[in-house]
C-alpha atoms as a PDB file:
ATOM      1  CA  UNK A   1     151.984  48.650 -47.677  1.00  0.00           C
ATOM      2  CA  UNK A   2     151.694  45.339 -49.273  1.00  0.00           C
ATOM      3  CA  UNK A   3     151.238  45.085 -52.971  1.00  0.00           C
ATOM      4  CA  UNK A   4     147.533  45.524 -54.335  1.00  0.00           C
ATOM      5  CA  UNK A   5     147.607  42.400 -56.097  1.00  0.00           C
ATOM      6  CA  UNK A   6     148.016  40.512 -52.952  1.00  0.00           C
ATOM      7  CA  UNK A   7     145.708  42.679 -50.793  1.00  0.00           C
ATOM      8  CA  UNK A   8     143.098  41.232 -53.334  1.00  0.00           C
ATOM      9  CA  UNK A   9     144.400  37.926 -52.507  1.00  0.00           C
ATOM     10  CA  UNK A  10     144.307  38.587 -48.843  1.00  0.00           C
ATOM     11  CA  UNK A  11     140.635  39.813 -48.854  1.00  0.00           C
ATOM     12  CA  UNK A  12     139.716  36.788 -50.521  1.00  0.00           C
ATOM     13  CA  UNK A  13     141.013  34.481 -48.316  1.00  0.00           C
ATOM     14  CA  UNK A  14     139.703  36.689 -45.723  1.00  0.00           C
ATOM     15  CA  UNK A  15     136.124  36.066 -46.941  1.00  0.00           C
ATOM     16  CA  UNK A  16     136.522  32.812 -47.974  1.00  0.00           C
ATOM     17  CA  UNK A  17     137.127  32.105 -44.809  1.00  0.00           C
ATOM     18  CA  UNK A  18     133.755  33.473 -43.816  1.00  0.00           C
ATOM     19  CA  UNK A  19     131.973  31.859 -46.453  1.00  0.00           C
ATOM     20  CA  UNK A  20     133.744  28.490 -44.752  1.00  0.00           C
ATOM     21  CA  UNK A  21     132.376  29.703 -41.476  1.00  0.00           C
ATOM     22  CA  UNK A  22     128.657  30.154 -43.059  1.00  0.00           C
ATOM     23  CA  UNK A  23     129.025  26.458 -44.749  1.00  0.00           C
ATOM     24  CA  UNK A  24     130.020  24.638 -41.088  1.00  0.00           C
ATOM     25  CA  UNK A  25     126.979  26.580 -40.271  1.00  0.00           C
ATOM     26  CA  UNK A  26     124.638  25.408 -42.313  1.00  0.00           C
ATOM     27  CA  UNK A  27     126.128  21.411 -41.888  1.00  0.00           C
ATOM     28  CA  UNK A  28     125.500  21.852 -38.200  1.00  0.00           C
ATOM     29  CA  UNK A  29     121.769  22.576 -38.839  1.00  0.00           C
ATOM     30  CA  UNK A  30     121.477  19.315 -40.278  1.00  0.00           C
ATOM     31  CA  UNK A  31     123.057  17.456 -37.854  1.00  0.00           C
ATOM     32  CA  UNK A  32     120.846  19.510 -35.762  1.00  0.00           C
ATOM     33  CA  UNK A  33     117.522  18.818 -37.210  1.00  0.00           C
ATOM     34  CA  UNK A  34     118.108  15.087 -37.522  1.00  0.00           C
ATOM     35  CA  UNK A  35     118.959  15.627 -33.221  1.00  0.00           C
ATOM     36  CA  UNK A  36     122.501  14.680 -33.565  1.00  0.00           C
ATOM     37  CA  UNK A  37     123.528  17.439 -31.091  1.00  0.00           C
ATOM     38  CA  UNK A  38     127.062  16.160 -30.538  1.00  0.00           C
ATOM     39  CA  UNK A  39     127.792  16.817 -34.485  1.00  0.00           C
ATOM     40  CA  UNK A  40     126.052  19.829 -34.450  1.00  0.00           C
ATOM     41  CA  UNK A  41     128.638  21.170 -31.650  1.00  0.00           C
ATOM     42  CA  UNK A  42     131.380  20.048 -34.313  1.00  0.00           C
ATOM     43  CA  UNK A  43     130.344  21.869 -36.853  1.00  0.00           C
ATOM     44  CA  UNK A  44     129.154  24.834 -35.078  1.00  0.00           C
ATOM     45  CA  UNK A  45     133.121  25.043 -33.044  1.00  0.00           C
ATOM     46  CA  UNK A  46     134.327  24.377 -36.675  1.00  0.00           C
ATOM     47  CA  UNK A  47     132.633  27.482 -37.773  1.00  0.00           C
ATOM     48  CA  UNK A  48     133.550  29.270 -34.874  1.00  0.00           C
ATOM     49  CA  UNK A  49     137.104  28.127 -35.865  1.00  0.00           C
ATOM     50  CA  UNK A  50     136.620  29.281 -39.490  1.00  0.00           C
ATOM     51  CA  UNK A  51     135.373  32.967 -38.487  1.00  0.00           C
ATOM     52  CA  UNK A  52     138.508  32.895 -36.046  1.00  0.00           C
ATOM     53  CA  UNK A  53     140.062  32.300 -39.253  1.00  0.00           C
ATOM     54  CA  UNK A  54     139.036  35.066 -41.002  1.00  0.00           C
ATOM     55  CA  UNK A  55     140.111  37.228 -38.556  1.00  0.00           C
ATOM     56  CA  UNK A  56     143.744  36.291 -38.345  1.00  0.00           C
ATOM     57  CA  UNK A  57     143.946  37.656 -42.056  1.00  0.00           C
ATOM     58  CA  UNK A  58     141.345  40.820 -40.839  1.00  0.00           C
ATOM     59  CA  UNK A  59     144.227  41.690 -38.454  1.00  0.00           C
ATOM     60  CA  UNK A  60     147.214  40.727 -40.631  1.00  0.00           C
ATOM     61  CA  UNK A  61     145.574  43.375 -43.241  1.00  0.00           C
ATOM     62  CA  UNK A  62     145.040  45.307 -40.502  1.00  0.00           C
ATOM     63  CA  UNK A  63     148.798  45.493 -39.091  1.00  0.00           C
ATOM     64  CA  UNK A  64     150.046  45.646 -42.880  1.00  0.00           C
ATOM     65  CA  UNK A  65     147.964  48.880 -42.880  1.00  0.00           C
ATOM     66  CA  UNK A  66     145.407  47.909 -45.203  1.00  0.00           C
ATOM     67  CA  UNK A  67     141.941  47.601 -45.407  1.00  0.00           C
ATOM     68  CA  UNK A  68     139.697  44.375 -45.243  1.00  0.00           C
ATOM     69  CA  UNK A  69     136.974  44.268 -47.476  1.00  0.00           C
ATOM     70  CA  UNK A  70     133.669  42.341 -46.876  1.00  0.00           C
ATOM     71  CA  UNK A  71     132.620  40.632 -49.776  1.00  0.00           C
ATOM     72  CA  UNK A  72     128.770  38.989 -50.100  1.00  0.00           C
ATOM     73  CA  UNK A  73     128.264  35.653 -49.121  1.00  0.00           C
ATOM     74  CA  UNK A  74     126.506  33.156 -51.602  1.00  0.00           C
ATOM     75  CA  UNK A  75     124.209  30.398 -49.611  1.00  0.00           C
ATOM     76  CA  UNK A  76     125.474  27.350 -48.583  1.00  0.00           C
ATOM     77  CA  UNK A  77     124.659  23.795 -48.803  1.00  0.00           C
ATOM     78  CA  UNK A  78     121.615  23.281 -47.176  1.00  0.00           C
ATOM     79  CA  UNK A  79     120.547  19.799 -48.165  1.00  0.00           C
ATOM     80  CA  UNK A  80     122.694  16.839 -47.906  1.00  0.00           C
ATOM     81  CA  UNK A  81     121.915  12.877 -48.049  1.00  0.00           C
ATOM     82  CA  UNK A  82     123.621  11.935 -45.186  1.00  0.00           C
ATOM     83  CA  UNK A  83     126.111  12.063 -42.221  1.00  0.00           C
ATOM     84  CA  UNK A  84     128.801  11.214 -44.736  1.00  0.00           C
ATOM     85  CA  UNK A  85     127.739  13.463 -47.265  1.00  0.00           C
ATOM     86  CA  UNK A  86     128.256  16.311 -44.898  1.00  0.00           C
ATOM     87  CA  UNK A  87     131.840  14.656 -43.603  1.00  0.00           C
ATOM     88  CA  UNK A  88     132.538  14.279 -47.597  1.00  0.00           C
ATOM     89  CA  UNK A  89     131.415  17.873 -48.213  1.00  0.00           C
ATOM     90  CA  UNK A  90     133.785  19.287 -45.507  1.00  0.00           C
ATOM     91  CA  UNK A  91     136.716  17.618 -47.078  1.00  0.00           C
ATOM     92  CA  UNK A  92     136.273  19.282 -50.368  1.00  0.00           C
ATOM     93  CA  UNK A  93     136.035  22.515 -47.976  1.00  0.00           C
ATOM     94  CA  UNK A  94     139.192  22.205 -46.584  1.00  0.00           C
ATOM     95  CA  UNK A  95     141.008  21.001 -49.754  1.00  0.00           C
ATOM     96  CA  UNK A  96     139.691  24.253 -51.748  1.00  0.00           C
ATOM     97  CA  UNK A  97     141.084  26.442 -48.662  1.00  0.00           C
ATOM     98  CA  UNK A  98     144.072  24.620 -48.756  1.00  0.00           C
ATOM     99  CA  UNK A  99     144.714  25.124 -52.561  1.00  0.00           C
ATOM    100  CA  UNK A 100     143.945  28.886 -51.672  1.00  0.00           C
ATOM    101  CA  UNK A 101     146.753  29.412 -49.128  1.00  0.00           C
ATOM    102  CA  UNK A 102     148.764  27.390 -51.394  1.00  0.00           C
ATOM    103  CA  UNK A 103     148.305  29.998 -53.998  1.00  0.00           C
ATOM    104  CA  UNK A 104     148.616  32.864 -51.464  1.00  0.00           C
ATOM    105  CA  UNK A 105     151.906  31.483 -50.385  1.00  0.00           C
ATOM    106  CA  UNK A 106     153.247  31.443 -54.137  1.00  0.00           C
ATOM    107  CA  UNK A 107     152.166  34.946 -54.622  1.00  0.00           C
ATOM    108  CA  UNK A 108     154.138  35.939 -51.481  1.00  0.00           C
ATOM    109  CA  UNK A 109     156.869  34.195 -52.958  1.00  0.00           C
ATOM    110  CA  UNK A 110     156.689  35.369 -56.329  1.00  0.00           C
ATOM    111  CA  UNK A 111     156.333  39.109 -54.842  1.00  0.00           C
ATOM    112  CA  UNK A 112     159.052  38.420 -52.225  1.00  0.00           C
ATOM    113  CA  UNK A 113     156.444  39.572 -49.057  1.00  0.00           C
ATOM    114  CA  UNK A 114     158.466  37.694 -46.502  1.00  0.00           C
ATOM    115  CA  UNK A 115     155.878  38.713 -43.733  1.00  0.00           C
ATOM    116  CA  UNK A 116     153.229  37.407 -45.526  1.00  0.00           C
ATOM    117  CA  UNK A 117     154.811  34.115 -46.290  1.00  0.00           C
ATOM    118  CA  UNK A 118     155.551  33.719 -42.673  1.00  0.00           C
ATOM    119  CA  UNK A 119     151.518  34.979 -41.959  1.00  0.00           C
ATOM    120  CA  UNK A 120     150.627  32.196 -43.807  1.00  0.00           C
ATOM    121  CA  UNK A 121     153.155  28.963 -42.397  1.00  0.00           C
ATOM    122  CA  UNK A 122     150.374  28.878 -39.561  1.00  0.00           C
ATOM    123  CA  UNK A 123     147.894  28.136 -42.357  1.00  0.00           C
ATOM    124  CA  UNK A 124     149.794  25.938 -43.856  1.00  0.00           C
ATOM    125  CA  UNK A 125     150.152  23.742 -40.881  1.00  0.00           C
ATOM    126  CA  UNK A 126     146.164  24.499 -39.489  1.00  0.00           C
ATOM    127  CA  UNK A 127     145.283  22.992 -43.012  1.00  0.00           C
ATOM    128  CA  UNK A 128     147.290  20.061 -42.955  1.00  0.00           C
ATOM    129  CA  UNK A 129     145.053  19.296 -39.484  1.00  0.00           C
ATOM    130  CA  UNK A 130     141.695  19.792 -40.868  1.00  0.00           C
ATOM    131  CA  UNK A 131     142.256  17.871 -44.007  1.00  0.00           C
ATOM    132  CA  UNK A 132     143.339  14.484 -41.234  1.00  0.00           C
ATOM    133  CA  UNK A 133     140.838  15.522 -39.007  1.00  0.00           C
ATOM    134  CA  UNK A 134     138.087  14.488 -41.679  1.00  0.00           C
ATOM    135  CA  UNK A 135     139.772  12.161 -43.339  1.00  0.00           C
ATOM    136  CA  UNK A 136     139.913  10.003 -39.832  1.00  0.00           C
ATOM    137  CA  UNK A 137     136.339  11.102 -39.799  1.00  0.00           C
ATOM    138  CA  UNK A 138     135.273   9.933 -42.677  1.00  0.00           C
ATOM    139  CA  UNK A 139     137.575   6.791 -42.394  1.00  0.00           C
ATOM    140  CA  UNK A 140     135.267   6.265 -39.210  1.00  0.00           C
ATOM    141  CA  UNK A 141     131.963   6.829 -40.514  1.00  0.00           C
ATOM    142  CA  UNK A 142     132.492   4.386 -43.590  1.00  0.00           C
ATOM    143  CA  UNK A 143     132.473   2.133 -41.093  1.00  0.00           C
ATOM    144  CA  UNK A 144     129.009   2.564 -39.209  1.00  0.00           C
ATOM    145  CA  UNK A 145     126.172   2.972 -39.514  1.00  0.00           C
ATOM    146  CA  UNK A 146     124.204   6.389 -38.967  1.00  0.00           C
ATOM    147  CA  UNK A 147     122.331   6.775 -35.912  1.00  0.00           C
ATOM    148  CA  UNK A 148     123.790   2.917 -35.217  1.00  0.00           C
ATOM    149  CA  UNK A 149     125.426   2.813 -31.314  1.00  0.00           C
ATOM    150  CA  UNK A 150     129.150   3.731 -32.472  1.00  0.00           C
ATOM    151  CA  UNK A 151     127.769   6.772 -34.268  1.00  0.00           C
ATOM    152  CA  UNK A 152     125.672   7.654 -31.109  1.00  0.00           C
ATOM    153  CA  UNK A 153     129.388   7.890 -29.211  1.00  0.00           C
ATOM    154  CA  UNK A 154     130.820   9.958 -31.627  1.00  0.00           C
ATOM    155  CA  UNK A 155     128.200  12.327 -31.082  1.00  0.00           C
ATOM    156  CA  UNK A 156     128.522  12.203 -27.106  1.00  0.00           C
ATOM    157  CA  UNK A 157     132.123  12.722 -28.156  1.00  0.00           C
ATOM    158  CA  UNK A 158     131.783  15.473 -30.389  1.00  0.00           C
ATOM    159  CA  UNK A 159     129.162  17.064 -27.775  1.00  0.00           C
ATOM    160  CA  UNK A 160     132.786  17.950 -25.890  1.00  0.00           C
ATOM    161  CA  UNK A 161     134.574  19.848 -28.251  1.00  0.00           C
ATOM    162  CA  UNK A 162     134.892  23.486 -27.678  1.00  0.00           C
ATOM    163  CA  UNK A 163     136.840  25.882 -29.726  1.00  0.00           C
ATOM    164  CA  UNK A 164     140.821  25.558 -29.701  1.00  0.00           C
ATOM    165  CA  UNK A 165     142.873  29.010 -30.027  1.00  0.00           C
END
């Protein structure tokens, strides 16, 4: 059994990951409506990835003989000014997740919960990748025109993205 304070924090992150999935689905809808189906695919895959992350927390809680507790999801942002706005919102979201993971690591360390520390290592690596992906996409997007030739090449590139587990 884990300390109750840690169980609450792990359940909060379980739900944060579900919320991130919810947000990425709304971002996909922005691109679908504009006809950029590759970008929409990128975000739908991202939504599935966040759900996968949530389920890792679910499974960890179950493994540790704790109960995963679902919370209400809030309505995600549904209106964006541009593709760049979506990407910048994505990076902000990932930075928040990173901050949450770091807080969990700090708590697990304070409580000397070594199994939890080991479990969270994967998420630290994952967050480094997630933030880099969005920083790189933002850099590319700042140098092109939405709907332009290079943007459409990116759209085609993102149409090929599949969930990696």
